[in-house]
Amino acid sequence: MRQQLAETDATEQTLQRFRLRRPSELAEFELRVGNWRVFYRVQEADVQVVLIGKKRGEKLFIDGKRFVL
């Protein structure tokens, strides 16, 4: 996660890192690391991680509860 968000341009889109297709009040971007999903915003040079969840099939879980972004 550090390499993808802190050591490179966090706004540059890749297969694992991209801008969310649907607008969200919580986050602008998603980073995929295995089954983990990291949702974050970028403000100037700062990357703010707002949610970290785990995918199980088509569902996202945060703190053990199903979450819809």
C-alpha atoms as a PDB file:
ATOM      1  CA  MET A   1       0.000   0.000   0.000  1.00  0.00           C
ATOM      2  CA  ARG A   2       2.811   2.403   0.858  1.00  0.00           C
ATOM      3  CA  GLN A   3       4.538   1.771  -2.452  1.00  0.00           C
ATOM      4  CA  GLN A   4       1.340   2.337  -4.458  1.00  0.00           C
ATOM      5  CA  LEU A   5       0.192   5.478  -2.606  1.00  0.00           C
ATOM      6  CA  ALA A   6       3.235   7.176  -1.079  1.00  0.00           C
ATOM      7  CA  GLU A   7       6.120   6.313  -3.361  1.00  0.00           C
ATOM      8  CA  THR A   8       4.330   6.867  -6.695  1.00  0.00           C
ATOM      9  CA  ASP A   9       1.702   9.273  -8.036  1.00  0.00           C
ATOM     10  CA  ALA A  10      -1.477   8.104  -6.280  1.00  0.00           C
ATOM     11  CA  THR A  11      -3.652   9.704  -8.990  1.00  0.00           C
ATOM     12  CA  GLU A  12      -1.997   7.820 -11.862  1.00  0.00           C
ATOM     13  CA  GLN A  13      -4.402   5.091 -12.945  1.00  0.00           C
ATOM     14  CA  THR A  14      -3.254   1.484 -13.215  1.00  0.00           C
ATOM     15  CA  LEU A  15      -5.067  -1.859 -13.168  1.00  0.00           C
ATOM     16  CA  GLN A  16      -4.894  -1.897  -9.365  1.00  0.00           C
ATOM     17  CA  ARG A  17      -5.306   1.851  -8.715  1.00  0.00           C
ATOM     18  CA  PHE A  18      -8.062   3.918 -10.317  1.00  0.00           C
ATOM     19  CA  ARG A  19     -10.633   6.688  -9.891  1.00  0.00           C
ATOM     20  CA  LEU A  20     -14.055   5.424  -8.760  1.00  0.00           C
ATOM     21  CA  ARG A  21     -16.600   5.210 -11.584  1.00  0.00           C
ATOM     22  CA  ARG A  22     -19.474   6.323  -9.364  1.00  0.00           C
ATOM     23  CA  PRO A  23     -19.016   9.506  -7.334  1.00  0.00           C
ATOM     24  CA  SER A  24     -18.711   8.989  -3.589  1.00  0.00           C
ATOM     25  CA  GLU A  25     -18.685  11.435  -0.698  1.00  0.00           C
ATOM     26  CA  LEU A  26     -16.096   9.262   1.042  1.00  0.00           C
ATOM     27  CA  ALA A  27     -13.387   8.581  -1.521  1.00  0.00           C
ATOM     28  CA  GLU A  28     -12.190   9.394  -5.037  1.00  0.00           C
ATOM     29  CA  PHE A  29      -9.890   6.439  -5.718  1.00  0.00           C
ATOM     30  CA  GLU A  30      -9.639   2.712  -5.063  1.00  0.00           C
ATOM     31  CA  LEU A  31      -6.507   0.604  -4.688  1.00  0.00           C
ATOM     32  CA  ARG A  32      -6.778  -3.172  -5.005  1.00  0.00           C
ATOM     33  CA  VAL A  33      -4.226  -5.290  -3.136  1.00  0.00           C
ATOM     34  CA  GLY A  34      -5.254  -8.938  -3.344  1.00  0.00           C
ATOM     35  CA  ASN A  35      -8.640  -9.206  -1.591  1.00  0.00           C
ATOM     36  CA  TRP A  36      -8.101  -5.865   0.175  1.00  0.00           C
ATOM     37  CA  ARG A  37      -9.629  -2.603  -1.049  1.00  0.00           C
ATOM     38  CA  VAL A  38      -8.209   0.763  -0.013  1.00  0.00           C
ATOM     39  CA  PHE A  39     -10.370   3.822  -0.672  1.00  0.00           C
ATOM     40  CA  TYR A  40      -8.656   7.193  -0.582  1.00  0.00           C
ATOM     41  CA  ARG A  41      -8.683  10.877  -1.539  1.00  0.00           C
ATOM     42  CA  VAL A  42      -5.846  13.019  -2.850  1.00  0.00           C
ATOM     43  CA  GLN A  43      -5.597  16.663  -1.817  1.00  0.00           C
ATOM     44  CA  GLU A  44      -2.586  18.437  -3.313  1.00  0.00           C
ATOM     45  CA  ALA A  45       0.383  16.274  -2.225  1.00  0.00           C
ATOM     46  CA  ASP A  46      -1.472  14.470   0.581  1.00  0.00           C
ATOM     47  CA  VAL A  47      -3.067  11.034   0.258  1.00  0.00           C
ATOM     48  CA  GLN A  48      -5.830  10.434   2.798  1.00  0.00           C
ATOM     49  CA  VAL A  49      -6.886   6.794   3.263  1.00  0.00           C
ATOM     50  CA  VAL A  50     -10.539   6.826   4.335  1.00  0.00           C
ATOM     51  CA  LEU A  51     -11.590   3.148   4.236  1.00  0.00           C
ATOM     52  CA  ILE A  52      -9.903  -0.243   4.114  1.00  0.00           C
ATOM     53  CA  GLY A  53     -12.061  -3.280   3.425  1.00  0.00           C
ATOM     54  CA  LYS A  54     -11.895  -6.875   2.260  1.00  0.00           C
ATOM     55  CA  LYS A  55     -13.688  -8.348  -0.754  1.00  0.00           C
ATOM     56  CA  ARG A  56     -15.454 -11.679  -0.458  1.00  0.00           C
ATOM     57  CA  GLY A  57     -16.885 -12.557  -3.838  1.00  0.00           C
ATOM     58  CA  GLU A  58     -18.857  -9.531  -5.005  1.00  0.00           C
ATOM     59  CA  LYS A  59     -19.285  -8.091  -1.503  1.00  0.00           C
ATOM     60  CA  LEU A  60     -17.126  -5.595   0.390  1.00  0.00           C
ATOM     61  CA  PHE A  61     -16.706  -5.943   4.163  1.00  0.00           C
ATOM     62  CA  ILE A  62     -15.402  -3.257   6.497  1.00  0.00           C
ATOM     63  CA  ASP A  63     -15.091  -4.058  10.210  1.00  0.00           C
ATOM     64  CA  GLY A  64     -16.813  -7.383   9.527  1.00  0.00           C
ATOM     65  CA  LYS A  65     -19.955  -5.732   8.149  1.00  0.00           C
ATOM     66  CA  ARG A  66     -21.102  -5.589   4.547  1.00  0.00           C
ATOM     67  CA  PHE A  67     -20.480  -2.127   3.122  1.00  0.00           C
ATOM     68  CA  VAL A  68     -21.819  -0.390   0.004  1.00  0.00           C
ATOM     69  CA  LEU A  69     -19.754   2.553  -1.151  1.00  0.00           C
END
